[in-house]
Amino acid sequence: MSTHAKRERLILADLLESSGPEAPTLCEGWKARDLAAHVVVRERRADAAAGALIKPLAQRRDRVHGEFTSKPYEELIQLIRTGPPRSSPFALKQVDEAANTIEFYIHAEDVRRAALDWTPRELDSVFQDALWKRLESTARVFGRKSPVGLVLRRPNGQTVVARKGTPVVTVTGEPGELVLYVSGRQRVARVETEGEKEAVARAHEAQLGI
């Protein structure tokens, strides 16, 4: 597994373990146990995970997710730590880095920022750049449901368009915070927004993300 994805995997596993199975998360309706099961199913049951994108498979996804949710919590944590089986496409370093760096970072923050006393995690510049690189290539996927034009901007001035259209809302923040904003975690993302008041409100309440 590649450096960033491997590190984020272990951080997520540690957070899930320390928070406990009944801890809240930012994923609506999910506790830590549900989130852990989701991560395991995504990597180990492609036939079920595809239900997130293919509606006819949604029922299978829900059934398999329920089966994994009923497993011992410690087993789920261990499956996350050890990573996917060799038969999984996520076992390939390139796929792991491309698909899991952002995935695990977001879910780690889903656990961290759901706590009442959460504090921001300081990300090093190398990881911020890695998140920005992923954001540049996926911003339009994350922002496709935005009801307004959406521009993401780093403090250094780099920008990427997540959604074309008018009126335009510009969201400024570090890459890690922009990832959270555009993935539907607007209320906990530490960013600044510019644009018409109504447009900013619409962007803030939109169901962004995949």
Protein backbone atom coordinates (compact mmCIF):
# COMPACT_ATOMS: atom_id res chain seq x y z
CA MET A 1 0.00 0.00 0.00
CA SER A 2 1.18 3.54 -0.72
CA THR A 3 2.32 6.00 1.91
CA HIS A 4 -0.62 8.40 2.21
CA ALA A 5 -3.36 5.81 1.93
CA LYS A 6 -1.63 3.46 4.36
CA ARG A 7 -1.15 6.22 6.93
CA GLU A 8 -4.77 7.38 6.65
CA ARG A 9 -5.97 3.77 6.95
CA LEU A 10 -4.14 3.34 10.25
CA ILE A 11 -5.30 6.71 11.56
CA LEU A 12 -8.90 5.78 10.75
CA ALA A 13 -8.54 2.39 12.41
CA ASP A 14 -7.06 3.97 15.55
CA LEU A 15 -9.86 6.55 15.74
CA LEU A 16 -12.56 3.92 15.29
CA GLU A 17 -10.96 1.74 17.97
CA SER A 18 -10.52 4.53 20.52
CA SER A 19 -13.99 5.99 19.95
CA GLY A 20 -15.83 2.68 20.36
CA PRO A 21 -18.60 1.09 18.27
CA GLU A 22 -21.40 3.36 19.51
CA ALA A 23 -19.60 6.65 18.91
CA PRO A 24 -21.35 9.13 16.59
CA THR A 25 -20.02 10.00 13.14
CA LEU A 26 -20.76 12.71 10.62
CA CYS A 27 -22.39 10.11 8.34
CA GLU A 28 -26.12 10.52 8.91
CA GLY A 29 -27.60 7.53 10.72
CA TRP A 30 -24.24 5.81 11.18
CA LYS A 31 -22.33 5.10 14.34
CA ALA A 32 -18.69 4.05 14.34
CA ARG A 33 -19.67 0.39 13.89
CA ASP A 34 -21.63 1.20 10.73
CA LEU A 35 -18.76 3.23 9.30
CA ALA A 36 -16.27 0.44 10.03
CA ALA A 37 -18.52 -2.07 8.28
CA HIS A 38 -18.82 0.25 5.27
CA VAL A 39 -15.04 0.45 4.89
CA VAL A 40 -14.66 -3.33 5.07
CA VAL A 41 -17.50 -4.05 2.64
CA ARG A 42 -16.14 -1.49 0.17
CA GLU A 43 -12.79 -3.28 0.03
CA ARG A 44 -13.84 -6.90 0.40
CA ARG A 45 -17.26 -7.19 -1.23
CA ALA A 46 -17.21 -5.42 -4.57
CA ASP A 47 -20.46 -7.16 -5.51
CA ALA A 48 -22.19 -5.34 -2.66
CA ALA A 49 -20.22 -2.08 -2.63
CA ALA A 50 -21.32 -1.39 -6.19
CA GLY A 51 -24.81 -0.82 -4.80
CA ALA A 52 -23.74 2.69 -3.87
CA LEU A 53 -23.70 3.55 -7.58
CA ILE A 54 -25.93 0.91 -9.17
CA LYS A 55 -29.47 1.12 -7.82
CA PRO A 56 -30.48 -2.51 -8.60
CA LEU A 57 -27.66 -3.63 -6.30
CA ALA A 58 -28.61 -1.34 -3.41
CA GLN A 59 -30.60 -4.04 -1.64
CA ARG A 60 -27.65 -6.44 -1.79
CA ARG A 61 -25.37 -3.69 -0.45
CA ASP A 62 -27.66 -3.03 2.49
CA ARG A 63 -27.95 -6.73 3.31
CA VAL A 64 -24.19 -7.33 3.20
CA HIS A 65 -23.52 -4.16 5.17
CA GLY A 66 -25.91 -5.41 7.84
CA GLU A 67 -24.10 -8.74 7.98
CA PHE A 68 -20.76 -7.05 8.54
CA THR A 69 -22.20 -4.63 11.07
CA SER A 70 -23.16 -7.62 13.21
CA LYS A 71 -19.57 -8.89 13.30
CA PRO A 72 -17.44 -8.24 16.41
CA TYR A 73 -16.23 -4.65 16.30
CA GLU A 74 -12.65 -5.69 17.01
CA GLU A 75 -12.74 -7.93 13.93
CA LEU A 76 -13.85 -5.03 11.72
CA ILE A 77 -11.04 -2.84 13.04
CA GLN A 78 -8.50 -5.57 12.33
CA LEU A 79 -9.82 -6.05 8.79
CA ILE A 80 -9.40 -2.33 8.16
CA ARG A 81 -5.84 -2.37 9.52
CA THR A 82 -4.72 -5.38 7.51
CA GLY A 83 -6.16 -4.01 4.30
CA PRO A 84 -7.94 -5.69 1.40
CA PRO A 85 -7.25 -9.21 0.15
CA ARG A 86 -4.97 -9.63 -2.87
CA SER A 87 -7.99 -10.29 -5.05
CA SER A 88 -9.32 -6.79 -4.39
CA PRO A 89 -8.41 -3.98 -6.81
CA PHE A 90 -7.65 -1.88 -3.72
CA ALA A 91 -4.65 -4.15 -3.10
CA LEU A 92 -2.91 -2.47 -6.05
CA LYS A 93 -0.75 0.44 -4.89
CA GLN A 94 -1.93 2.79 -7.61
CA VAL A 95 -5.60 2.08 -6.91
CA ASP A 96 -5.06 2.31 -3.16
CA GLU A 97 -3.47 5.74 -3.43
CA ALA A 98 -5.98 7.08 -5.93
CA ALA A 99 -9.12 5.79 -4.23
CA ASN A 100 -8.27 5.57 -0.54
CA THR A 101 -6.23 8.66 0.33
CA ILE A 102 -9.27 10.93 0.29
CA GLU A 103 -11.70 8.19 1.36
CA PHE A 104 -9.85 7.38 4.57
CA TYR A 105 -9.04 11.01 5.35
CA ILE A 106 -12.73 11.94 5.09
CA HIS A 107 -13.90 9.03 7.21
CA ALA A 108 -11.25 9.72 9.85
CA GLU A 109 -12.63 13.24 10.11
CA ASP A 110 -16.16 11.79 10.20
CA VAL A 111 -15.15 10.18 13.48
CA ARG A 112 -12.94 12.97 14.82
CA ARG A 113 -15.28 15.89 14.13
CA ALA A 114 -18.40 14.17 15.40
CA ALA A 115 -16.97 14.40 18.93
CA LEU A 116 -18.01 17.44 20.95
CA ASP A 117 -14.45 18.33 21.90
CA TRP A 118 -12.80 17.78 18.50
CA THR A 119 -9.77 19.79 17.51
CA PRO A 120 -8.43 20.24 13.99
CA ARG A 121 -5.66 17.97 12.86
CA GLU A 122 -2.59 19.70 11.49
CA LEU A 123 -1.69 18.32 8.07
CA ASP A 124 1.82 18.63 6.68
CA SER A 125 2.36 20.44 3.40
CA VAL A 126 3.17 17.24 1.48
CA PHE A 127 -0.15 15.68 2.43
CA GLN A 128 -2.03 18.92 1.73
CA ASP A 129 -0.52 18.91 -1.76
CA ALA A 130 -1.51 15.27 -2.23
CA LEU A 131 -5.10 16.06 -1.24
CA TRP A 132 -5.15 19.02 -3.61
CA LYS A 133 -3.90 16.86 -6.47
CA ARG A 134 -6.76 14.40 -5.88
CA LEU A 135 -9.22 17.25 -5.51
CA GLU A 136 -8.18 18.74 -8.85
CA SER A 137 -9.10 15.50 -10.62
CA THR A 138 -12.30 14.75 -8.71
CA ALA A 139 -13.76 18.19 -7.88
CA ARG A 140 -16.42 18.05 -10.60
CA VAL A 141 -17.58 14.64 -9.43
CA PHE A 142 -17.93 15.89 -5.86
CA GLY A 143 -19.53 19.16 -6.94
CA ARG A 144 -21.94 17.91 -9.59
CA LYS A 145 -24.96 18.29 -7.28
CA SER A 146 -24.18 21.86 -6.33
CA PRO A 147 -27.14 24.18 -7.05
CA VAL A 148 -24.71 27.05 -7.76
CA GLY A 149 -21.38 27.56 -9.47
CA LEU A 150 -18.68 26.36 -7.11
CA VAL A 151 -15.00 27.31 -7.14
CA LEU A 152 -12.49 25.87 -4.67
CA ARG A 153 -9.44 27.96 -3.84
CA ARG A 154 -6.33 27.38 -1.75
CA PRO A 155 -4.84 30.23 0.29
CA ASN A 156 -1.96 30.31 -2.23
CA GLY A 157 -4.41 31.17 -5.01
CA GLN A 158 -4.65 27.81 -6.77
CA THR A 159 -8.22 27.15 -7.87
CA VAL A 160 -10.34 24.39 -9.33
CA VAL A 161 -13.92 24.55 -10.60
CA ALA A 162 -16.19 22.02 -8.91
CA ARG A 163 -19.32 23.16 -10.70
CA LYS A 164 -19.83 25.59 -13.58
CA GLY A 165 -22.76 27.98 -13.35
CA THR A 166 -24.05 31.19 -11.86
CA PRO A 167 -24.22 32.63 -9.32
CA VAL A 168 -20.76 31.58 -8.23
CA VAL A 169 -19.63 30.74 -4.72
CA THR A 170 -15.90 30.65 -4.03
CA VAL A 171 -14.78 28.51 -1.11
CA THR A 172 -11.29 29.19 0.26
CA GLY A 173 -9.39 26.93 2.61
CA GLU A 174 -6.62 24.42 2.97
CA PRO A 175 -7.03 21.33 0.75
CA GLY A 176 -8.07 19.12 3.66
CA GLU A 177 -10.88 21.50 4.56
CA LEU A 178 -11.96 21.88 0.93
CA VAL A 179 -12.15 18.09 0.61
CA LEU A 180 -14.51 18.00 3.58
CA TYR A 181 -16.62 20.85 2.23
CA VAL A 182 -17.10 19.38 -1.22
CA SER A 183 -17.77 15.90 0.16
CA GLY A 184 -20.84 17.14 2.03
CA ARG A 185 -19.28 18.05 5.37
CA GLN A 186 -19.82 21.80 4.91
CA ARG A 187 -20.86 22.52 8.49
CA VAL A 188 -17.57 21.29 9.97
CA ALA A 189 -15.19 22.46 7.23
CA ARG A 190 -13.06 25.43 8.26
CA VAL A 191 -13.34 27.55 5.14
CA GLU A 192 -14.28 31.04 4.03
CA THR A 193 -16.97 31.61 1.41
CA GLU A 194 -17.52 34.45 -1.05
CA GLY A 195 -20.60 35.12 -3.13
CA GLU A 196 -24.19 36.28 -2.90
CA LYS A 197 -25.65 35.55 0.52
CA GLU A 198 -28.42 33.34 -0.85
CA ALA A 199 -26.01 31.44 -3.11
CA VAL A 200 -23.64 30.79 -0.21
CA ALA A 201 -26.54 29.46 1.86
CA ARG A 202 -27.63 27.15 -0.96
CA ALA A 203 -24.09 25.80 -1.37
CA HIS A 204 -23.80 25.28 2.38
CA GLU A 205 -26.99 23.23 2.52
CA ALA A 206 -26.46 21.26 -0.71
CA GLN A 207 -25.93 17.50 -0.65
CA LEU A 208 -22.48 17.57 -2.17
CA GLY A 209 -20.32 14.52 -2.67
CA ILE A 210 -20.43 11.25 -4.56
